[in-house]
Each structure stands twice: as structure tokens, then as C-alpha cells.
Amino acid sequence: MSDPRNPSHHGLTGLDEYPIHQAPLPIAYAASSDRNFYDRSYFNAHDRTGDVFAIFGHGYYPNLGTKDAFFMIRRGDEQTAVHLGDAIDGDRMNQHVGGYRLEVVEPLQQVRMVLDETEGISADLTWNGSFPALQEMPHVMRAGSRVTLDAQRFAQVGTWEGHITVDGTEIAVTPDRWLGSRDRSWGIRPVGEAPPAGAPLTPEFEGMWWLYVPMRFDDFMICLIIQEEPDGYRALNDCHRVWKDGRIEQLGWPQVQVRYGSGTRVPTGATITCTTPEGKPLVVEVESLLPVPLHVGGGYGGDSDWSHGLWKGAGFTERVTYDMTAPDVAGRVMFGVVDHVGRATLDGQEGWGLFEHGAIGRHDPSGFADWFTLAP
């Protein structure tokens, strides 16, 4: 029998014993030949104070032959990230990259992430979902005739328990204080080395406006996703409320007012007005307690230091630390998506979760005329 960690030339692994195939291919092979095919997890964790925010995840890229993981934490003005990378393997039930691993304890409910000490950082964190996971709308983006993103995702809010250790200092993580959100996504998105450019885009890419808010209240979760084009046209609108018993409500076409810090594109908060199926307005006030730019060490769009799926060699690890007040770092923030520790209020209830926003390039409704316009 072939070793699942070292697939033979025909690609079979132990997973091919199970009736889970979605294409006439071994499970180790992606159904799409697109080099940008990916399959990854994202997590965040915070203690509601705004003093600390940890963001981490891992991904598999079968058409690039790679897998990777990262663990990033911001405290005060310092943001530090550990990156791990390796060649892909066929043992997909044993998700691991170097000292980073994810154990699925109870599917769609409980997972455990362990990072063995790597470059001075370690963690052992167990997630428990507070509400059922939500399948989001498919997300498709094109640049002219080219598909740049075609992905499926599910989202969940929950609590964390365990510990994080940074340079010998242990941070206790208790479920009475520590919350977060997670998502699983798979499909096609830009990963690895930049592909050949091809013909120039017509018209040129002028930017995008993005808002993603999975928020945990005591009785329900609200999950909102909005993407707008430079003229304000809404290319994606997905807003739901999930109750503990599994009921799901659609919350219409939210109206959003984002408040930006003067001289920046980093929001301090937002007013989001949703609508219940009965036509009742739901007004969610959101404030940012701590921003973490995903493209400053996290590997997401426009990160000049590290990119998901990039081959760095077998058994790769590194640590990168940033002073978020340094001009060269602060100047990068407006060119990517920023994750915030988010506090929300709705009808007198307090909620906590992720407030993720990016206003990249031109966005007429926000008054951003080009790539460099800032809030007054």
C-alpha cells in the first residue's frame, strides 16, 4: 500500500478509499488545472480588550505543489508573524506544515490548532463554534474575460481556549474572554508567484471596496459581506443572521456608513443598517479596537514580504516583525485589507467579532478619487 504522505506517480492516497470524490480524479488532484487553485483555513482570536489580536491560517495549493501556514499577532504597535512552508503531501486528513497543525475534533464545531515553538512563538488553541457554520454565497471576480477569483467559503464565530507564547511570555486564552471568527475557503484565487501578465486589462483595475463583518452576539451571529466596484456598483451582497437553533434570516441590502480616521483609509467604525425579512431595520454600530493589516506579514493581497503558495524551499520557516508606526510600514496599510478587533451594538446588545475592511484605489461613494486620496 502506498504511503499517504508520499503519493506514488498515479496519485492515489488513503482518501481514495472513501466515496467523497467530486471529479474523475484521485482526491490529491484538483478538479481544475488552474495554477491558482487553493484550499485554506483562516482564524482570528482576541480577548475583547483591543490589546492583542492573533490571526493565523494554512493553505494547500496542489497545482503549485506547496502548502503553507502563518501565525501573526499584534500587541500595541508591534506586529510579528511566523511563516512556514513545505512541499504538499497526500495526507490531507493530517493537516500540518512544519510545527503548525490543525486537528478537526468535531467537524463544523470544534478544531484545535497547535503551533510548536517556531522562531520564538508557540500556541495551543481549541475552537468551539457558538452557532452553526454559515455557507456563504459563491464569490466570483473577473478581470476582463479572465477569472481572478472563484471561491466557496463557510464562516463561523466562536470561542477559544488554550495559550499563546511569544518570546517566553505566555498569554492565557480562556473561553469566557477570548472570541473570534473563522472561515474555510477553496477554489481559485491569486497565489504563488505572479503569472505572466498577458494583454493589458481594459479598463485597468482601479480598485475595490470590501467589507466583511462576522459578529457574535449572545443569541445569534450576523455575517455581512459587501464588495463594491469603484463607481459603487455592488458586485457582492451577502448578509445573514444565524440563530443557535440553525434558523437563517436574510438581512437584505445593507446600507453602510464607514468612518475613517482623518488622513487615512483605516476605519474607526461604521454604521450598518440591515433589514429583516419583515422589513424591520436592524442598525449595527461597529467600532474598531485594534487594526491588523493582513498584507503586512499575513500574505494576503499586496504583501511585499510573503505570499500564500510561494515556494520557499522544504521545511521553510521565518519570522518577520514590524513597527506599525514606521513610515514605510504605515504607508502600506491603505493598499490592502485590514482586520480589526470589532465591538458592535444592536438593539442594546453587545457583540464582538471581526470588522474587516479595505478601501483600495478609487471608490466614488467614499470620496476616494484615486489610489492616494485619504479621508479628510
Protein backbone atom coordinates (compact mmCIF):
# COMPACT_ATOMS: atom_id res chain seq x y z
CA MET A 1 0.00 0.00 0.00
CA SER A 2 1.36 3.43 -0.88
CA ASP A 3 2.32 5.82 1.89
CA PRO A 4 -0.33 8.61 2.04
CA ARG A 5 2.42 11.10 2.88
CA ASN A 6 4.29 10.24 -0.31
CA PRO A 7 1.83 9.67 -3.15
CA SER A 8 3.11 7.45 -5.93
CA HIS A 9 3.17 8.53 -9.56
CA HIS A 10 -0.50 7.60 -10.00
CA GLY A 11 -1.59 9.96 -7.20
CA LEU A 12 -3.60 7.56 -5.03
CA THR A 13 -3.88 8.24 -1.29
CA GLY A 14 -5.86 6.68 1.54
CA LEU A 15 -8.70 9.16 0.95
CA ASP A 16 -9.48 7.46 -2.35
CA GLU A 17 -10.98 4.59 -0.33
CA TYR A 18 -13.93 6.85 0.59
CA PRO A 19 -16.94 7.96 -1.53
CA ILE A 20 -16.02 11.64 -1.41
CA HIS A 21 -14.85 12.26 -4.98
CA GLN A 22 -16.26 15.21 -6.92
CA ALA A 23 -14.41 14.60 -10.19
CA PRO A 24 -12.98 11.57 -12.04
CA LEU A 25 -9.59 12.15 -10.40
CA PRO A 26 -7.72 10.99 -7.29
CA ILE A 27 -8.51 13.21 -4.30
CA ALA A 28 -4.92 14.51 -4.33
CA TYR A 29 -5.58 16.18 -7.71
CA ALA A 30 -7.54 19.41 -8.07
CA ALA A 31 -10.51 19.24 -10.44
CA SER A 32 -9.27 22.48 -12.01
CA SER A 33 -5.91 22.79 -13.75
CA ASP A 34 -5.79 26.49 -12.80
CA ARG A 35 -2.45 27.14 -11.09
CA ASN A 36 -4.30 29.31 -8.54
CA PHE A 37 -6.44 26.50 -7.13
CA TYR A 38 -6.28 26.65 -3.31
CA ASP A 39 -7.85 25.19 -0.16
CA ARG A 40 -7.27 27.07 3.10
CA SER A 41 -8.38 27.99 6.62
CA TYR A 42 -8.35 31.38 8.34
CA PHE A 43 -8.77 32.08 12.07
CA ASN A 44 -8.61 35.06 14.41
CA ALA A 45 -8.65 35.36 18.19
CA HIS A 46 -8.87 38.26 20.66
CA ASP A 47 -9.78 38.93 24.28
CA ARG A 48 -12.17 41.89 23.69
CA THR A 49 -9.69 44.46 25.06
CA GLY A 50 -8.03 45.61 21.86
CA ASP A 51 -4.66 44.87 23.45
CA VAL A 52 -3.97 41.74 21.39
CA PHE A 53 -5.16 40.22 18.12
CA ALA A 54 -3.92 36.92 16.71
CA ILE A 55 -4.60 35.89 13.09
CA PHE A 56 -3.47 32.57 11.66
CA GLY A 57 -4.20 30.00 8.98
CA HIS A 58 -2.87 27.48 6.49
CA GLY A 59 -3.41 26.52 2.86
CA TYR A 60 -2.84 23.78 0.29
CA TYR A 61 -2.03 24.57 -3.36
CA PRO A 62 -1.99 21.27 -5.28
CA ASN A 63 -1.21 22.75 -8.69
CA LEU A 64 1.83 24.52 -7.25
CA GLY A 65 2.93 21.53 -5.16
CA THR A 66 3.07 23.62 -2.00
CA LYS A 67 1.42 24.14 1.38
CA ASP A 68 1.98 26.87 3.95
CA ALA A 69 0.87 28.32 7.28
CA PHE A 70 1.27 31.52 9.25
CA PHE A 71 0.69 32.83 12.76
CA MET A 72 0.56 36.60 13.24
CA ILE A 73 -0.02 38.58 16.41
CA ARG A 74 -0.34 42.30 17.08
CA ARG A 75 0.20 43.84 20.50
CA GLY A 76 0.37 47.62 20.74
CA ASP A 77 2.45 48.99 17.88
CA GLU A 78 4.25 45.72 17.15
CA GLN A 79 3.02 43.12 14.65
CA THR A 80 5.00 39.91 14.28
CA ALA A 81 4.43 36.92 12.01
CA VAL A 82 5.82 33.41 11.67
CA HIS A 83 5.71 31.86 8.19
CA LEU A 84 6.00 28.14 7.44
CA GLY A 85 6.15 26.41 4.07
CA ASP A 86 6.78 22.97 2.61
CA ALA A 87 6.04 20.65 -0.29
CA ILE A 88 2.46 19.37 -0.42
CA ASP A 89 1.67 15.81 0.66
CA GLY A 90 -1.26 13.45 0.15
CA ASP A 91 -2.21 13.07 3.81
CA ARG A 92 -4.97 15.67 3.83
CA MET A 93 -6.56 14.24 6.99
CA ASN A 94 -3.40 15.26 8.84
CA GLN A 95 -3.24 19.00 8.19
CA HIS A 96 0.23 20.20 9.07
CA VAL A 97 3.01 22.49 7.87
CA GLY A 98 6.20 22.15 9.87
CA GLY A 99 5.31 22.74 13.52
CA TYR A 100 1.81 24.02 12.66
CA ARG A 101 -1.08 21.57 12.64
CA LEU A 102 -4.88 21.60 12.72
CA GLU A 103 -6.92 18.81 14.31
CA VAL A 104 -10.62 18.51 13.44
CA VAL A 105 -12.13 17.32 16.72
CA GLU A 106 -15.79 17.68 15.70
CA PRO A 107 -16.45 18.81 12.12
CA LEU A 108 -18.05 22.26 11.82
CA GLN A 109 -17.94 22.66 15.62
CA GLN A 110 -14.56 22.11 17.28
CA VAL A 111 -11.00 22.28 15.97
CA ARG A 112 -7.61 22.53 17.64
CA MET A 113 -4.65 24.49 16.26
CA VAL A 114 -1.17 23.76 17.59
CA LEU A 115 1.98 25.67 16.72
CA ASP A 116 5.06 24.07 18.21
CA GLU A 117 7.69 26.62 19.19
CA THR A 118 8.80 28.25 15.94
CA GLU A 119 11.04 31.32 15.87
CA GLY A 120 10.02 32.14 19.46
CA ILE A 121 6.25 31.72 19.02
CA SER A 122 4.02 28.80 20.03
CA ALA A 123 0.30 28.25 20.58
CA ASP A 124 -2.24 25.60 21.51
CA LEU A 125 -5.77 26.83 20.86
CA THR A 126 -9.09 24.96 20.77
CA TRP A 127 -12.05 26.48 18.93
CA ASN A 128 -15.70 25.91 19.76
CA GLY A 129 -18.34 27.25 17.38
CA SER A 130 -21.05 29.32 19.06
CA PHE A 131 -23.54 28.93 16.20
CA PRO A 132 -23.84 26.67 13.15
CA ALA A 133 -21.39 27.39 10.34
CA LEU A 134 -22.81 29.53 7.53
CA GLN A 135 -22.28 28.68 3.88
CA GLU A 136 -21.63 31.98 2.15
CA MET A 137 -22.60 32.91 -1.39
CA PRO A 138 -20.14 31.83 -4.11
CA HIS A 139 -17.70 34.64 -4.86
CA VAL A 140 -16.58 35.25 -8.44
CA MET A 141 -14.36 38.04 -9.76
CA ARG A 142 -13.19 38.67 -13.31
CA ALA A 143 -10.63 40.97 -14.89
CA GLY A 144 -11.99 41.34 -18.39
CA SER A 145 -12.52 37.78 -19.60
CA ARG A 146 -10.17 36.27 -17.01
CA VAL A 147 -11.34 34.65 -13.80
CA THR A 148 -9.29 36.02 -10.90
CA LEU A 149 -11.37 34.55 -8.07
CA ASP A 150 -13.94 31.75 -7.99
CA ALA A 151 -14.38 30.56 -4.42
CA GLN A 152 -16.71 28.96 -1.91
CA ARG A 153 -16.46 29.70 1.79
CA PHE A 154 -18.13 28.99 5.11
CA ALA A 155 -17.91 31.21 8.18
CA GLN A 156 -18.39 30.73 11.91
CA VAL A 157 -17.99 32.67 15.15
CA GLY A 158 -16.92 31.05 18.41
CA THR A 159 -14.69 30.97 21.46
CA TRP A 160 -11.06 29.96 22.09
CA GLU A 161 -9.29 28.14 24.92
CA GLY A 162 -5.60 27.43 25.43
CA HIS A 163 -2.49 29.59 25.36
CA ILE A 164 -0.16 31.64 23.16
CA THR A 165 3.51 32.12 23.98
CA VAL A 166 5.64 34.89 22.45
CA ASP A 167 9.33 35.08 23.34
CA GLY A 168 8.79 33.34 26.67
CA THR A 169 5.70 35.33 27.70
CA GLU A 170 2.60 33.15 27.96
CA ILE A 171 -0.84 34.59 27.22
CA ALA A 172 -3.65 32.56 28.80
CA VAL A 173 -6.63 32.11 26.46
CA THR A 174 -9.92 31.45 28.25
CA PRO A 175 -13.34 30.98 26.58
CA ASP A 176 -15.06 33.47 28.88
CA ARG A 177 -12.99 36.26 27.30
CA TRP A 178 -11.48 35.03 24.05
CA LEU A 179 -13.62 35.12 20.92
CA GLY A 180 -13.04 35.10 17.20
CA SER A 181 -14.20 34.09 13.78
CA ARG A 182 -13.01 31.58 11.23
CA ASP A 183 -13.60 30.70 7.62
CA ARG A 184 -12.78 27.85 5.26
CA SER A 185 -12.48 28.65 1.60
CA TRP A 186 -11.49 26.81 -1.54
CA GLY A 187 -11.44 27.43 -5.26
CA ILE A 188 -9.35 29.86 -7.28
CA ARG A 189 -7.59 33.00 -6.06
CA PRO A 190 -4.19 34.54 -6.84
CA VAL A 191 -1.46 32.53 -5.09
CA GLY A 192 2.24 31.83 -5.52
CA GLU A 193 4.48 33.63 -7.96
CA ALA A 194 2.94 36.23 -10.26
CA PRO A 195 1.73 34.66 -13.55
CA PRO A 196 2.52 36.16 -16.97
CA ALA A 197 0.59 39.40 -17.37
CA GLY A 198 -0.94 38.75 -20.77
CA ALA A 199 -2.58 41.64 -22.63
CA PRO A 200 -3.18 44.85 -20.63
CA LEU A 201 -6.52 44.97 -18.86
CA THR A 202 -9.20 47.12 -20.48
CA PRO A 203 -10.23 49.03 -18.50
CA GLU A 204 -7.38 48.97 -15.99
CA PHE A 205 -8.06 47.80 -12.44
CA GLU A 206 -8.96 50.90 -10.42
CA GLY A 207 -9.57 49.30 -7.06
CA MET A 208 -12.23 47.68 -4.89
CA TRP A 209 -14.16 48.39 -1.69
CA TRP A 210 -14.63 45.43 0.67
CA LEU A 211 -16.47 44.91 3.97
CA TYR A 212 -16.67 41.63 5.89
CA VAL A 213 -18.27 41.56 9.36
CA PRO A 214 -18.93 38.22 11.12
CA MET A 215 -20.17 39.32 14.55
CA ARG A 216 -21.10 37.21 17.59
CA PHE A 217 -23.97 38.29 19.84
CA ASP A 218 -25.34 36.24 22.74
CA ASP A 219 -28.29 34.84 20.79
CA PHE A 220 -27.19 34.98 17.16
CA MET A 221 -24.44 35.66 14.65
CA ILE A 222 -24.59 38.30 11.94
CA CYS A 223 -22.37 37.81 8.90
CA LEU A 224 -22.16 40.52 6.27
CA ILE A 225 -20.09 40.64 3.06
CA ILE A 226 -20.12 43.55 0.64
CA GLN A 227 -17.88 44.21 -2.35
CA GLU A 228 -18.26 47.33 -4.46
CA GLU A 229 -16.61 48.50 -7.65
CA PRO A 230 -15.05 51.97 -7.99
CA ASP A 231 -18.36 53.56 -9.05
CA GLY A 232 -20.17 51.98 -6.09
CA TYR A 233 -21.79 49.14 -8.04
CA ARG A 234 -22.28 46.28 -5.57
CA ALA A 235 -20.75 43.13 -7.05
CA LEU A 236 -21.38 41.03 -3.92
CA ASN A 237 -24.08 41.42 -1.27
CA ASP A 238 -24.46 38.68 1.31
CA CYS A 239 -25.92 39.35 4.76
CA HIS A 240 -27.41 36.77 7.13
CA ARG A 241 -28.36 36.24 10.76
CA VAL A 242 -27.82 32.74 12.17
CA TRP A 243 -29.61 31.63 15.36
CA LYS A 244 -28.48 28.86 17.70
CA ASP A 245 -31.24 26.53 16.50
CA GLY A 246 -29.93 26.80 12.95
CA ARG A 247 -32.50 29.27 11.61
CA ILE A 248 -31.05 31.60 8.99
CA GLU A 249 -32.51 35.02 8.10
CA GLN A 250 -31.53 37.07 5.08
CA LEU A 251 -30.95 40.70 6.03
CA GLY A 252 -31.46 42.46 2.75
CA TRP A 253 -29.32 45.13 1.14
CA PRO A 254 -27.36 46.79 3.97
CA GLN A 255 -26.63 50.50 3.87
CA VAL A 256 -23.17 51.29 5.24
CA GLN A 257 -21.50 54.44 6.53
CA VAL A 258 -17.82 53.89 7.29
CA ARG A 259 -15.99 56.39 9.50
CA TYR A 260 -12.33 56.78 8.54
CA GLY A 261 -9.54 58.23 10.62
CA SER A 262 -8.54 61.64 9.28
CA GLY A 263 -5.68 61.41 6.81
CA THR A 264 -6.03 57.63 6.43
CA ARG A 265 -8.16 54.90 4.91
CA VAL A 266 -8.31 52.98 8.17
CA PRO A 267 -11.82 52.95 9.63
CA THR A 268 -12.59 53.77 13.24
CA GLY A 269 -16.10 52.37 12.94
CA ALA A 270 -19.22 52.02 10.83
CA THR A 271 -23.00 52.20 10.94
CA ILE A 272 -24.60 49.25 9.14
CA THR A 273 -28.37 49.30 8.56
CA CYS A 274 -29.76 45.87 7.67
CA THR A 275 -33.37 44.85 7.06
CA THR A 276 -35.19 41.79 8.42
CA PRO A 277 -37.44 39.69 6.15
CA GLU A 278 -40.40 41.53 7.76
CA GLY A 279 -38.96 44.88 6.70
CA LYS A 280 -37.73 45.94 10.16
CA PRO A 281 -34.43 47.87 10.21
CA LEU A 282 -31.55 46.41 12.21
CA VAL A 283 -28.91 49.05 12.94
CA VAL A 284 -25.47 47.66 13.86
CA GLU A 285 -22.91 50.11 15.21
CA VAL A 286 -19.37 48.79 14.88
CA GLU A 287 -16.14 50.21 16.30
CA SER A 288 -12.52 49.21 15.80
CA LEU A 289 -10.42 48.44 18.85
CA LEU A 290 -7.24 47.25 17.09
CA PRO A 291 -6.37 47.11 13.36
CA VAL A 292 -4.20 44.38 11.80
CA PRO A 293 -3.31 44.84 8.11
CA LEU A 294 -3.46 41.39 6.51
CA HIS A 295 -0.90 42.41 3.89
CA VAL A 296 1.79 43.24 6.45
CA GLY A 297 3.15 39.78 7.14
CA GLY A 298 -0.09 37.84 6.64
CA GLY A 299 0.50 37.01 2.98
CA TYR A 300 -2.78 38.45 1.69
CA GLY A 301 -3.05 40.58 -1.49
CA GLY A 302 -0.21 43.02 -1.96
CA ASP A 303 2.02 41.73 0.85
CA SER A 304 5.58 42.53 -0.23
CA ASP A 305 7.14 40.16 2.32
CA TRP A 306 5.32 36.87 1.86
CA SER A 307 2.61 35.40 -0.36
CA HIS A 308 0.44 32.31 0.01
CA GLY A 309 1.58 29.39 -2.11
CA LEU A 310 5.04 30.83 -2.75
CA TRP A 311 7.71 28.11 -2.83
CA LYS A 312 10.41 28.93 -0.27
CA GLY A 313 12.00 25.50 -0.04
CA ALA A 314 11.38 22.40 2.03
CA GLY A 315 10.86 22.92 5.76
CA PHE A 316 10.85 26.71 5.44
CA THR A 317 10.32 28.94 8.50
CA GLU A 318 10.92 32.62 9.16
CA ARG A 319 9.76 35.36 11.49
CA VAL A 320 9.15 38.95 10.48
CA THR A 321 8.42 41.76 12.97
CA TYR A 322 7.05 45.20 12.12
CA ASP A 323 6.90 48.55 13.91
CA MET A 324 3.45 49.68 12.82
CA THR A 325 4.38 53.34 13.43
CA ALA A 326 7.31 53.23 10.98
CA PRO A 327 6.56 55.33 7.86
CA ASP A 328 7.47 52.54 5.43
CA VAL A 329 5.02 50.17 7.16
CA ALA A 330 2.25 52.70 7.80
CA GLY A 331 2.40 53.73 4.13
CA ARG A 332 1.43 50.20 3.04
CA VAL A 333 -1.78 49.98 5.05
CA MET A 334 -4.09 51.74 2.56
CA PHE A 335 -3.21 49.28 -0.21
CA GLY A 336 -4.77 46.22 1.37
CA VAL A 337 -7.44 44.78 3.64
CA VAL A 338 -7.30 45.45 7.40
CA ASP A 339 -8.77 43.15 10.06
CA HIS A 340 -9.97 44.87 13.21
CA VAL A 341 -10.98 43.65 16.64
CA GLY A 342 -14.62 44.68 16.31
CA ARG A 343 -17.10 45.66 19.01
CA ALA A 344 -20.74 46.06 17.96
CA THR A 345 -24.06 47.11 19.43
CA LEU A 346 -27.53 46.17 18.17
CA ASP A 347 -30.76 46.99 20.00
CA GLY A 348 -28.86 47.32 23.27
CA GLN A 349 -26.96 44.05 22.84
CA GLU A 350 -23.18 43.93 22.69
CA GLY A 351 -21.41 41.84 20.06
CA TRP A 352 -17.81 41.01 19.29
CA GLY A 353 -16.09 39.74 16.19
CA LEU A 354 -14.23 40.72 13.06
CA PHE A 355 -14.52 44.12 11.37
CA GLU A 356 -12.64 43.62 8.08
CA HIS A 357 -12.40 46.45 5.60
CA GLY A 358 -10.41 47.59 2.61
CA ALA A 359 -10.93 50.72 0.52
CA ILE A 360 -8.33 50.12 -2.18
CA GLY A 361 -7.99 52.59 -5.04
CA ARG A 362 -10.93 54.62 -6.32
CA HIS A 363 -14.32 54.47 -4.61
CA ASP A 364 -16.68 57.26 -5.57
CA PRO A 365 -19.24 56.86 -2.72
CA SER A 366 -16.40 57.24 -0.15
CA GLY A 367 -14.88 60.26 -1.90
CA PHE A 368 -11.69 58.41 -2.82
CA ALA A 369 -10.93 59.70 -6.31
CA ASP A 370 -7.81 57.59 -6.93
CA TRP A 371 -5.27 55.30 -5.21
CA PHE A 372 -3.87 58.03 -2.99
CA THR A 373 -6.87 60.07 -1.80
CA LEU A 374 -7.25 59.97 2.00
CA ALA A 375 -10.14 60.77 4.32
CA PRO A 376 -10.37 64.47 5.29
